[in-house]
């Protein structure tokens, strides 16, 4: 059994949010997609482009798509948080993190 995909799954869980691919085609509704339409796995991502963790997650998703170019499609949808300034993420989300663990 090939378990190399587990490494990517863990990294995606740690980073938590994602950034849009700049080279992906953009549809009229603001949705971007990268990968074949016939892919066995489709990852739907809601992201805020101001989130600092999104940059890290973007690199991980690029590696996953390069490793499985015919098997994975990533569909991205814009999701802007109320705290869209990067410095606001740490200040606003810290209490939630400690309360919810």
PDB file of N, CA and C in Angstrom:
ATOM      1  N   UNK A   1       0.830  -1.185   0.000  1.00  0.00           N
ATOM      2  CA  UNK A   1       0.000   0.000   0.000  1.00  0.00           C
ATOM      3  C   UNK A   1       0.877   1.252   0.000  1.00  0.00           C
ATOM      4  N   UNK A   2       0.606   2.168  -0.896  1.00  0.00           N
ATOM      5  CA  UNK A   2       1.362   3.406  -0.983  1.00  0.00           C
ATOM      6  C   UNK A   2       0.779   4.418   0.001  1.00  0.00           C
ATOM      7  N   UNK A   3       1.592   4.838   0.964  1.00  0.00           N
ATOM      8  CA  UNK A   3       1.095   5.757   1.992  1.00  0.00           C
ATOM      9  C   UNK A   3       1.671   7.160   1.854  1.00  0.00           C
ATOM     10  N   UNK A   4       2.310   7.462   0.723  1.00  0.00           N
ATOM     11  CA  UNK A   4       2.914   8.784   0.564  1.00  0.00           C
ATOM     12  C   UNK A   4       1.875   9.899   0.634  1.00  0.00           C
ATOM     13  N   UNK A   5       0.625   9.612   0.265  1.00  0.00           N
ATOM     14  CA  UNK A   5      -0.423  10.633   0.313  1.00  0.00           C
ATOM     15  C   UNK A   5      -0.764  11.055   1.740  1.00  0.00           C
ATOM     16  N   UNK A   6      -0.443  10.223   2.723  1.00  0.00           N
ATOM     17  CA  UNK A   6      -0.759  10.556   4.110  1.00  0.00           C
ATOM     18  C   UNK A   6       0.028  11.768   4.589  1.00  0.00           C
ATOM     19  N   UNK A   7       1.256  11.910   4.075  1.00  0.00           N
ATOM     20  CA  UNK A   7       2.067  13.065   4.437  1.00  0.00           C
ATOM     21  C   UNK A   7       1.341  14.349   4.027  1.00  0.00           C
ATOM     22  N   UNK A   8       0.805  14.373   2.828  1.00  0.00           N
ATOM     23  CA  UNK A   8       0.106  15.557   2.345  1.00  0.00           C
ATOM     24  C   UNK A   8      -1.184  15.789   3.123  1.00  0.00           C
ATOM     25  N   UNK A   9      -1.874  14.733   3.439  1.00  0.00           N
ATOM     26  CA  UNK A   9      -3.129  14.852   4.181  1.00  0.00           C
ATOM     27  C   UNK A   9      -2.877  15.507   5.532  1.00  0.00           C
ATOM     28  N   UNK A  10      -1.806  15.107   6.214  1.00  0.00           N
ATOM     29  CA  UNK A  10      -1.475  15.685   7.510  1.00  0.00           C
ATOM     30  C   UNK A  10      -1.111  17.156   7.387  1.00  0.00           C
ATOM     31  N   UNK A  11      -0.325  17.495   6.381  1.00  0.00           N
ATOM     32  CA  UNK A  11       0.067  18.883   6.198  1.00  0.00           C
ATOM     33  C   UNK A  11      -1.135  19.762   5.892  1.00  0.00           C
ATOM     34  N   UNK A  12      -2.063  19.243   5.109  1.00  0.00           N
ATOM     35  CA  UNK A  12      -3.265  20.014   4.797  1.00  0.00           C
ATOM     36  C   UNK A  12      -4.089  20.263   6.050  1.00  0.00           C
ATOM     37  N   UNK A  13      -4.135  19.283   6.934  1.00  0.00           N
ATOM     38  CA  UNK A  13      -4.894  19.439   8.170  1.00  0.00           C
ATOM     39  C   UNK A  13      -4.248  20.469   9.088  1.00  0.00           C
ATOM     40  N   UNK A  14      -2.928  20.518   9.099  1.00  0.00           N
ATOM     41  CA  UNK A  14      -2.210  21.445   9.972  1.00  0.00           C
ATOM     42  C   UNK A  14      -2.391  22.884   9.512  1.00  0.00           C
ATOM     43  N   UNK A  15      -2.260  23.129   8.219  1.00  0.00           N
ATOM     44  CA  UNK A  15      -2.303  24.504   7.735  1.00  0.00           C
ATOM     45  C   UNK A  15      -3.701  25.081   7.762  1.00  0.00           C
ATOM     46  N   UNK A  16      -4.720  24.289   7.475  1.00  0.00           N
ATOM     47  CA  UNK A  16      -6.091  24.713   7.698  1.00  0.00           C
ATOM     48  C   UNK A  16      -6.779  25.564   6.665  1.00  0.00           C
ATOM     49  N   UNK A  17      -6.075  26.318   5.839  1.00  0.00           N
ATOM     50  CA  UNK A  17      -6.746  27.117   4.823  1.00  0.00           C
ATOM     51  C   UNK A  17      -5.842  27.282   3.610  1.00  0.00           C
ATOM     52  N   UNK A  18      -6.392  27.801   2.551  1.00  0.00           N
ATOM     53  CA  UNK A  18      -5.724  27.716   1.268  1.00  0.00           C
ATOM     54  C   UNK A  18      -5.750  29.021   0.488  1.00  0.00           C
ATOM     55  N   UNK A  19      -4.848  29.120  -0.483  1.00  0.00           N
ATOM     56  CA  UNK A  19      -4.731  30.293  -1.338  1.00  0.00           C
ATOM     57  C   UNK A  19      -5.017  29.908  -2.775  1.00  0.00           C
ATOM     58  N   UNK A  20      -5.569  30.817  -3.550  1.00  0.00           N
ATOM     59  CA  UNK A  20      -5.894  30.524  -4.940  1.00  0.00           C
ATOM     60  C   UNK A  20      -4.648  30.289  -5.772  1.00  0.00           C
ATOM     61  N   UNK A  21      -4.723  29.356  -6.720  1.00  0.00           N
ATOM     62  CA  UNK A  21      -3.674  29.193  -7.716  1.00  0.00           C
ATOM     63  C   UNK A  21      -3.802  30.347  -8.690  1.00  0.00           C
ATOM     64  N   UNK A  22      -2.724  31.021  -8.965  1.00  0.00           N
ATOM     65  CA  UNK A  22      -2.784  32.153  -9.879  1.00  0.00           C
ATOM     66  C   UNK A  22      -2.883  31.711 -11.332  1.00  0.00           C
ATOM     67  N   UNK A  23      -2.469  30.473 -11.632  1.00  0.00           N
ATOM     68  CA  UNK A  23      -2.487  30.014 -13.020  1.00  0.00           C
ATOM     69  C   UNK A  23      -3.736  29.211 -13.359  1.00  0.00           C
ATOM     70  N   UNK A  24      -4.594  28.997 -12.400  1.00  0.00           N
ATOM     71  CA  UNK A  24      -5.812  28.223 -12.653  1.00  0.00           C
ATOM     72  C   UNK A  24      -6.822  29.081 -13.401  1.00  0.00           C
ATOM     73  N   UNK A  25      -7.589  28.473 -14.300  1.00  0.00           N
ATOM     74  CA  UNK A  25      -8.601  29.256 -15.008  1.00  0.00           C
ATOM     75  C   UNK A  25      -9.693  29.716 -14.048  1.00  0.00           C
ATOM     76  N   UNK A  26     -10.169  30.926 -14.232  1.00  0.00           N
ATOM     77  CA  UNK A  26     -11.229  31.458 -13.383  1.00  0.00           C
ATOM     78  C   UNK A  26     -12.543  31.419 -14.139  1.00  0.00           C
ATOM     79  N   UNK A  27     -13.547  30.873 -13.522  1.00  0.00           N
ATOM     80  CA  UNK A  27     -14.874  30.806 -14.119  1.00  0.00           C
ATOM     81  C   UNK A  27     -15.645  32.073 -13.768  1.00  0.00           C
ATOM     82  N   UNK A  28     -16.755  32.292 -14.417  1.00  0.00           N
ATOM     83  CA  UNK A  28     -17.550  33.504 -14.225  1.00  0.00           C
ATOM     84  C   UNK A  28     -17.984  33.695 -12.775  1.00  0.00           C
ATOM     85  N   UNK A  29     -18.196  32.619 -12.054  1.00  0.00           N
ATOM     86  CA  UNK A  29     -18.664  32.723 -10.670  1.00  0.00           C
ATOM     87  C   UNK A  29     -17.536  32.888  -9.655  1.00  0.00           C
ATOM     88  N   UNK A  30     -16.292  33.103 -10.113  1.00  0.00           N
ATOM     89  CA  UNK A  30     -15.168  33.304  -9.221  1.00  0.00           C
ATOM     90  C   UNK A  30     -14.512  32.027  -8.740  1.00  0.00           C
ATOM     91  N   UNK A  31     -14.943  30.892  -9.235  1.00  0.00           N
ATOM     92  CA  UNK A  31     -14.380  29.603  -8.857  1.00  0.00           C
ATOM     93  C   UNK A  31     -13.206  29.293  -9.780  1.00  0.00           C
ATOM     94  N   UNK A  32     -12.105  28.816  -9.206  1.00  0.00           N
ATOM     95  CA  UNK A  32     -10.970  28.393 -10.020  1.00  0.00           C
ATOM     96  C   UNK A  32     -10.800  26.890  -9.895  1.00  0.00           C
ATOM     97  N   UNK A  33     -10.276  26.276 -10.942  1.00  0.00           N
ATOM     98  CA  UNK A  33     -10.070  24.827 -10.930  1.00  0.00           C
ATOM     99  C   UNK A  33      -8.729  24.506 -11.561  1.00  0.00           C
ATOM    100  N   UNK A  34      -8.035  23.543 -10.979  1.00  0.00           N
ATOM    101  CA  UNK A  34      -6.771  23.067 -11.528  1.00  0.00           C
ATOM    102  C   UNK A  34      -6.786  21.551 -11.474  1.00  0.00           C
ATOM    103  N   UNK A  35      -6.508  20.922 -12.600  1.00  0.00           N
ATOM    104  CA  UNK A  35      -6.535  19.471 -12.700  1.00  0.00           C
ATOM    105  C   UNK A  35      -7.631  19.041 -13.652  1.00  0.00           C
ATOM    106  N   UNK A  36      -7.608  17.773 -14.040  1.00  0.00           N
ATOM    107  CA  UNK A  36      -8.576  17.287 -15.029  1.00  0.00           C
ATOM    108  C   UNK A  36      -9.996  17.172 -14.472  1.00  0.00           C
ATOM    109  N   UNK A  37     -10.970  17.407 -15.340  1.00  0.00           N
ATOM    110  CA  UNK A  37     -12.378  17.272 -14.937  1.00  0.00           C
ATOM    111  C   UNK A  37     -12.741  15.830 -14.596  1.00  0.00           C
ATOM    112  N   UNK A  38     -12.006  14.879 -15.169  1.00  0.00           N
ATOM    113  CA  UNK A  38     -12.293  13.456 -14.943  1.00  0.00           C
ATOM    114  C   UNK A  38     -11.516  12.877 -13.756  1.00  0.00           C
ATOM    115  N   UNK A  39     -10.923  13.725 -12.920  1.00  0.00           N
ATOM    116  CA  UNK A  39     -10.103  13.264 -11.796  1.00  0.00           C
ATOM    117  C   UNK A  39     -10.912  12.394 -10.835  1.00  0.00           C
ATOM    118  N   UNK A  40     -10.233  11.396 -10.268  1.00  0.00           N
ATOM    119  CA  UNK A  40     -10.873  10.502  -9.306  1.00  0.00           C
ATOM    120  C   UNK A  40     -11.154  11.216  -7.985  1.00  0.00           C
ATOM    121  N   UNK A  41     -10.318  12.203  -7.655  1.00  0.00           N
ATOM    122  CA  UNK A  41     -10.455  12.938  -6.399  1.00  0.00           C
ATOM    123  C   UNK A  41     -10.596  14.421  -6.707  1.00  0.00           C
ATOM    124  N   UNK A  42     -11.607  15.049  -6.145  1.00  0.00           N
ATOM    125  CA  UNK A  42     -11.779  16.491  -6.271  1.00  0.00           C
ATOM    126  C   UNK A  42     -11.713  17.093  -4.875  1.00  0.00           C
ATOM    127  N   UNK A  43     -10.811  18.052  -4.705  1.00  0.00           N
ATOM    128  CA  UNK A  43     -10.671  18.751  -3.433  1.00  0.00           C
ATOM    129  C   UNK A  43     -11.308  20.125  -3.611  1.00  0.00           C
ATOM    130  N   UNK A  44     -12.326  20.417  -2.817  1.00  0.00           N
ATOM    131  CA  UNK A  44     -12.974  21.728  -2.872  1.00  0.00           C
ATOM    132  C   UNK A  44     -12.437  22.551  -1.711  1.00  0.00           C
ATOM    133  N   UNK A  45     -11.880  23.711  -2.037  1.00  0.00           N
ATOM    134  CA  UNK A  45     -11.195  24.535  -1.054  1.00  0.00           C
ATOM    135  C   UNK A  45     -11.875  25.897  -0.951  1.00  0.00           C
ATOM    136  N   UNK A  46     -12.213  26.300   0.264  1.00  0.00           N
ATOM    137  CA  UNK A  46     -12.705  27.650   0.530  1.00  0.00           C
ATOM    138  C   UNK A  46     -11.547  28.395   1.179  1.00  0.00           C
ATOM    139  N   UNK A  47     -11.164  29.547   0.627  1.00  0.00           N
ATOM    140  CA  UNK A  47      -9.979  30.217   1.146  1.00  0.00           C
ATOM    141  C   UNK A  47     -10.140  31.721   1.211  1.00  0.00           C
ATOM    142  N   UNK A  48      -9.334  32.308   2.068  1.00  0.00           N
ATOM    143  CA  UNK A  48      -9.221  33.757   2.172  1.00  0.00           C
ATOM    144  C   UNK A  48      -7.808  34.100   1.733  1.00  0.00           C
ATOM    145  N   UNK A  49      -7.665  34.881   0.706  1.00  0.00           N
ATOM    146  CA  UNK A  49      -6.347  35.161   0.139  1.00  0.00           C
ATOM    147  C   UNK A  49      -5.454  35.971   1.069  1.00  0.00           C
ATOM    148  N   UNK A  50      -5.976  36.495   2.165  1.00  0.00           N
ATOM    149  CA  UNK A  50      -5.172  37.248   3.121  1.00  0.00           C
ATOM    150  C   UNK A  50      -4.629  36.382   4.259  1.00  0.00           C
ATOM    151  N   UNK A  51      -5.014  35.127   4.303  1.00  0.00           N
ATOM    152  CA  UNK A  51      -4.597  34.235   5.382  1.00  0.00           C
ATOM    153  C   UNK A  51      -3.142  33.814   5.201  1.00  0.00           C
ATOM    154  N   UNK A  52      -2.279  34.003   6.201  1.00  0.00           N
ATOM    155  CA  UNK A  52      -0.872  33.636   6.074  1.00  0.00           C
ATOM    156  C   UNK A  52      -0.649  32.127   5.905  1.00  0.00           C
ATOM    157  N   UNK A  53      -1.490  31.316   6.470  1.00  0.00           N
ATOM    158  CA  UNK A  53      -1.343  29.869   6.322  1.00  0.00           C
ATOM    159  C   UNK A  53      -1.665  29.403   4.910  1.00  0.00           C
ATOM    160  N   UNK A  54      -2.395  30.208   4.171  1.00  0.00           N
ATOM    161  CA  UNK A  54      -2.775  29.836   2.803  1.00  0.00           C
ATOM    162  C   UNK A  54      -1.560  29.689   1.895  1.00  0.00           C
ATOM    163  N   UNK A  55      -0.556  30.500   2.104  1.00  0.00           N
ATOM    164  CA  UNK A  55       0.658  30.414   1.296  1.00  0.00           C
ATOM    165  C   UNK A  55       1.328  29.058   1.509  1.00  0.00           C
ATOM    166  N   UNK A  56       1.388  28.607   2.744  1.00  0.00           N
ATOM    167  CA  UNK A  56       1.977  27.298   3.046  1.00  0.00           C
ATOM    168  C   UNK A  56       1.150  26.173   2.429  1.00  0.00           C
ATOM    169  N   UNK A  57      -0.140  26.261   2.569  1.00  0.00           N
ATOM    170  CA  UNK A  57      -1.020  25.219   2.036  1.00  0.00           C
ATOM    171  C   UNK A  57      -0.961  25.166   0.521  1.00  0.00           C
ATOM    172  N   UNK A  58      -0.793  26.300  -0.123  1.00  0.00           N
ATOM    173  CA  UNK A  58      -0.706  26.355  -1.578  1.00  0.00           C
ATOM    174  C   UNK A  58       0.477  25.534  -2.076  1.00  0.00           C
ATOM    175  N   UNK A  59       1.597  25.649  -1.393  1.00  0.00           N
ATOM    176  CA  UNK A  59       2.790  24.884  -1.773  1.00  0.00           C
ATOM    177  C   UNK A  59       2.551  23.383  -1.619  1.00  0.00           C
ATOM    178  N   UNK A  60       1.869  23.000  -0.567  1.00  0.00           N
ATOM    179  CA  UNK A  60       1.562  21.585  -0.340  1.00  0.00           C
ATOM    180  C   UNK A  60       0.637  21.061  -1.433  1.00  0.00           C
ATOM    181  N   UNK A  61      -0.396  21.820  -1.768  1.00  0.00           N
ATOM    182  CA  UNK A  61      -1.318  21.393  -2.825  1.00  0.00           C
ATOM    183  C   UNK A  61      -0.622  21.306  -4.175  1.00  0.00           C
ATOM    184  N   UNK A  62       0.324  22.207  -4.441  1.00  0.00           N
ATOM    185  CA  UNK A  62       1.097  22.113  -5.686  1.00  0.00           C
ATOM    186  C   UNK A  62       1.857  20.793  -5.752  1.00  0.00           C
ATOM    187  N   UNK A  63       2.450  20.381  -4.638  1.00  0.00           N
ATOM    188  CA  UNK A  63       3.178  19.108  -4.599  1.00  0.00           C
ATOM    189  C   UNK A  63       2.241  17.927  -4.838  1.00  0.00           C
ATOM    190  N   UNK A  64       1.069  17.973  -4.240  1.00  0.00           N
ATOM    191  CA  UNK A  64       0.093  16.893  -4.403  1.00  0.00           C
ATOM    192  C   UNK A  64      -0.340  16.787  -5.860  1.00  0.00           C
ATOM    193  N   UNK A  65      -0.633  17.917  -6.481  1.00  0.00           N
ATOM    194  CA  UNK A  65      -1.067  17.907  -7.881  1.00  0.00           C
ATOM    195  C   UNK A  65       0.052  17.430  -8.796  1.00  0.00           C
ATOM    196  N   UNK A  66       1.298  17.822  -8.505  1.00  0.00           N
ATOM    197  CA  UNK A  66       2.429  17.345  -9.314  1.00  0.00           C
ATOM    198  C   UNK A  66       2.618  15.837  -9.157  1.00  0.00           C
ATOM    199  N   UNK A  67       2.387  15.322  -7.964  1.00  0.00           N
ATOM    200  CA  UNK A  67       2.556  13.887  -7.712  1.00  0.00           C
ATOM    201  C   UNK A  67       1.448  13.055  -8.354  1.00  0.00           C
ATOM    202  N   UNK A  68       0.254  13.614  -8.444  1.00  0.00           N
ATOM    203  CA  UNK A  68      -0.902  12.885  -8.988  1.00  0.00           C
ATOM    204  C   UNK A  68      -1.638  13.747 -10.023  1.00  0.00           C
ATOM    205  N   UNK A  69      -0.983  14.087 -11.143  1.00  0.00           N
ATOM    206  CA  UNK A  69      -1.571  15.042 -12.097  1.00  0.00           C
ATOM    207  C   UNK A  69      -2.867  14.586 -12.760  1.00  0.00           C
ATOM    208  N   UNK A  70      -3.075  13.292 -12.910  1.00  0.00           N
ATOM    209  CA  UNK A  70      -4.285  12.802 -13.570  1.00  0.00           C
ATOM    210  C   UNK A  70      -5.373  12.384 -12.589  1.00  0.00           C
ATOM    211  N   UNK A  71      -5.065  12.391 -11.308  1.00  0.00           N
ATOM    212  CA  UNK A  71      -5.984  11.848 -10.310  1.00  0.00           C
ATOM    213  C   UNK A  71      -6.671  12.889  -9.431  1.00  0.00           C
ATOM    214  N   UNK A  72      -6.120  14.115  -9.385  1.00  0.00           N
ATOM    215  CA  UNK A  72      -6.637  15.111  -8.450  1.00  0.00           C
ATOM    216  C   UNK A  72      -7.002  16.405  -9.170  1.00  0.00           C
ATOM    217  N   UNK A  73      -8.155  16.939  -8.802  1.00  0.00           N
ATOM    218  CA  UNK A  73      -8.563  18.269  -9.253  1.00  0.00           C
ATOM    219  C   UNK A  73      -8.818  19.114  -8.009  1.00  0.00           C
ATOM    220  N   UNK A  74      -8.311  20.337  -8.011  1.00  0.00           N
ATOM    221  CA  UNK A  74      -8.541  21.256  -6.902  1.00  0.00           C
ATOM    222  C   UNK A  74      -9.458  22.370  -7.394  1.00  0.00           C
ATOM    223  N   UNK A  75     -10.589  22.517  -6.734  1.00  0.00           N
ATOM    224  CA  UNK A  75     -11.557  23.572  -7.050  1.00  0.00           C
ATOM    225  C   UNK A  75     -11.519  24.553  -5.891  1.00  0.00           C
ATOM    226  N   UNK A  76     -11.259  25.808  -6.210  1.00  0.00           N
ATOM    227  CA  UNK A  76     -11.123  26.823  -5.167  1.00  0.00           C
ATOM    228  C   UNK A  76     -12.273  27.823  -5.231  1.00  0.00           C
ATOM    229  N   UNK A  77     -12.793  28.154  -4.058  1.00  0.00           N
ATOM    230  CA  UNK A  77     -13.872  29.136  -3.945  1.00  0.00           C
ATOM    231  C   UNK A  77     -13.443  30.192  -2.937  1.00  0.00           C
ATOM    232  N   UNK A  78     -13.664  31.431  -3.279  1.00  0.00           N
ATOM    233  CA  UNK A  78     -13.256  32.528  -2.411  1.00  0.00           C
ATOM    234  C   UNK A  78     -14.128  32.581  -1.165  1.00  0.00           C
ATOM    235  N   UNK A  79     -13.475  32.736  -0.032  1.00  0.00           N
ATOM    236  CA  UNK A  79     -14.180  32.878   1.243  1.00  0.00           C
ATOM    237  C   UNK A  79     -13.428  33.922   2.048  1.00  0.00           C
ATOM    238  N   UNK A  80     -13.930  35.117   2.117  1.00  0.00           N
ATOM    239  CA  UNK A  80     -13.264  36.184   2.859  1.00  0.00           C
ATOM    240  C   UNK A  80     -13.769  36.202   4.288  1.00  0.00           C
ATOM    241  N   UNK A  81     -12.829  36.128   5.198  1.00  0.00           N
ATOM    242  CA  UNK A  81     -13.178  36.213   6.614  1.00  0.00           C
ATOM    243  C   UNK A  81     -13.323  37.681   6.997  1.00  0.00           C
ATOM    244  N   UNK A  82     -13.998  37.944   8.094  1.00  0.00           N
ATOM    245  CA  UNK A  82     -14.151  39.324   8.557  1.00  0.00           C
ATOM    246  C   UNK A  82     -12.808  39.924   8.937  1.00  0.00           C
ATOM    247  N   UNK A  83     -11.880  39.079   9.294  1.00  0.00           N
ATOM    248  CA  UNK A  83     -10.554  39.539   9.705  1.00  0.00           C
ATOM    249  C   UNK A  83      -9.594  39.393   8.538  1.00  0.00           C
ATOM    250  N   UNK A  84      -9.843  40.105   7.449  1.00  0.00           N
ATOM    251  CA  UNK A  84      -9.083  39.881   6.233  1.00  0.00           C
ATOM    252  C   UNK A  84      -7.685  40.480   6.251  1.00  0.00           C
ATOM    253  N   UNK A  85      -7.312  41.220   7.278  1.00  0.00           N
ATOM    254  CA  UNK A  85      -5.943  41.683   7.371  1.00  0.00           C
ATOM    255  C   UNK A  85      -5.115  40.586   8.017  1.00  0.00           C
ATOM    256  N   UNK A  86      -3.945  40.331   7.455  1.00  0.00           N
ATOM    257  CA  UNK A  86      -3.099  39.233   7.930  1.00  0.00           C
ATOM    258  C   UNK A  86      -2.789  39.344   9.421  1.00  0.00           C
ATOM    259  N   UNK A  87      -2.515  40.549   9.920  1.00  0.00           N
ATOM    260  CA  UNK A  87      -2.188  40.693  11.343  1.00  0.00           C
ATOM    261  C   UNK A  87      -3.378  40.359  12.242  1.00  0.00           C
ATOM    262  N   UNK A  88      -4.580  40.447  11.714  1.00  0.00           N
ATOM    263  CA  UNK A  88      -5.773  40.161  12.497  1.00  0.00           C
ATOM    264  C   UNK A  88      -5.990  38.695  12.784  1.00  0.00           C
ATOM    265  N   UNK A  89      -5.418  37.815  11.968  1.00  0.00           N
ATOM    266  CA  UNK A  89      -5.637  36.389  12.167  1.00  0.00           C
ATOM    267  C   UNK A  89      -5.149  35.926  13.528  1.00  0.00           C
ATOM    268  N   UNK A  90      -3.951  36.285  13.893  1.00  0.00           N
ATOM    269  CA  UNK A  90      -3.404  35.834  15.159  1.00  0.00           C
ATOM    270  C   UNK A  90      -4.156  36.386  16.354  1.00  0.00           C
ATOM    271  N   UNK A  91      -4.469  37.658  16.325  1.00  0.00           N
ATOM    272  CA  UNK A  91      -5.133  38.310  17.441  1.00  0.00           C
ATOM    273  C   UNK A  91      -6.560  37.806  17.616  1.00  0.00           C
ATOM    274  N   UNK A  92      -7.298  37.696  16.533  1.00  0.00           N
ATOM    275  CA  UNK A  92      -8.708  37.339  16.626  1.00  0.00           C
ATOM    276  C   UNK A  92      -8.934  35.852  16.837  1.00  0.00           C
ATOM    277  N   UNK A  93      -8.111  35.018  16.247  1.00  0.00           N
ATOM    278  CA  UNK A  93      -8.351  33.584  16.337  1.00  0.00           C
ATOM    279  C   UNK A  93      -7.688  32.927  17.538  1.00  0.00           C
ATOM    280  N   UNK A  94      -6.752  33.586  18.184  1.00  0.00           N
ATOM    281  CA  UNK A  94      -6.057  32.978  19.319  1.00  0.00           C
ATOM    282  C   UNK A  94      -7.013  32.546  20.430  1.00  0.00           C
ATOM    283  N   UNK A  95      -7.955  33.390  20.868  1.00  0.00           N
ATOM    284  CA  UNK A  95      -8.873  32.939  21.931  1.00  0.00           C
ATOM    285  C   UNK A  95      -9.683  31.710  21.530  1.00  0.00           C
ATOM    286  N   UNK A  96     -10.124  31.660  20.289  1.00  0.00           N
ATOM    287  CA  UNK A  96     -10.894  30.509  19.822  1.00  0.00           C
ATOM    288  C   UNK A  96     -10.050  29.252  19.870  1.00  0.00           C
ATOM    289  N   UNK A  97      -8.790  29.358  19.478  1.00  0.00           N
ATOM    290  CA  UNK A  97      -7.897  28.204  19.477  1.00  0.00           C
ATOM    291  C   UNK A  97      -7.738  27.656  20.885  1.00  0.00           C
ATOM    292  N   UNK A  98      -7.506  28.519  21.849  1.00  0.00           N
ATOM    293  CA  UNK A  98      -7.281  28.048  23.209  1.00  0.00           C
ATOM    294  C   UNK A  98      -8.552  27.523  23.857  1.00  0.00           C
ATOM    295  N   UNK A  99      -9.698  28.097  23.531  1.00  0.00           N
ATOM    296  CA  UNK A  99     -10.958  27.621  24.095  1.00  0.00           C
ATOM    297  C   UNK A  99     -11.345  26.271  23.501  1.00  0.00           C
ATOM    298  N   UNK A 100     -11.236  26.154  22.177  1.00  0.00           N
ATOM    299  CA  UNK A 100     -11.659  24.931  21.492  1.00  0.00           C
ATOM    300  C   UNK A 100     -10.573  23.874  21.418  1.00  0.00           C
ATOM    301  N   UNK A 101      -9.355  24.233  21.740  1.00  0.00           N
ATOM    302  CA  UNK A 101      -8.256  23.290  21.751  1.00  0.00           C
ATOM    303  C   UNK A 101      -7.797  22.921  20.417  1.00  0.00           C
TER     304      UNK A 101
END
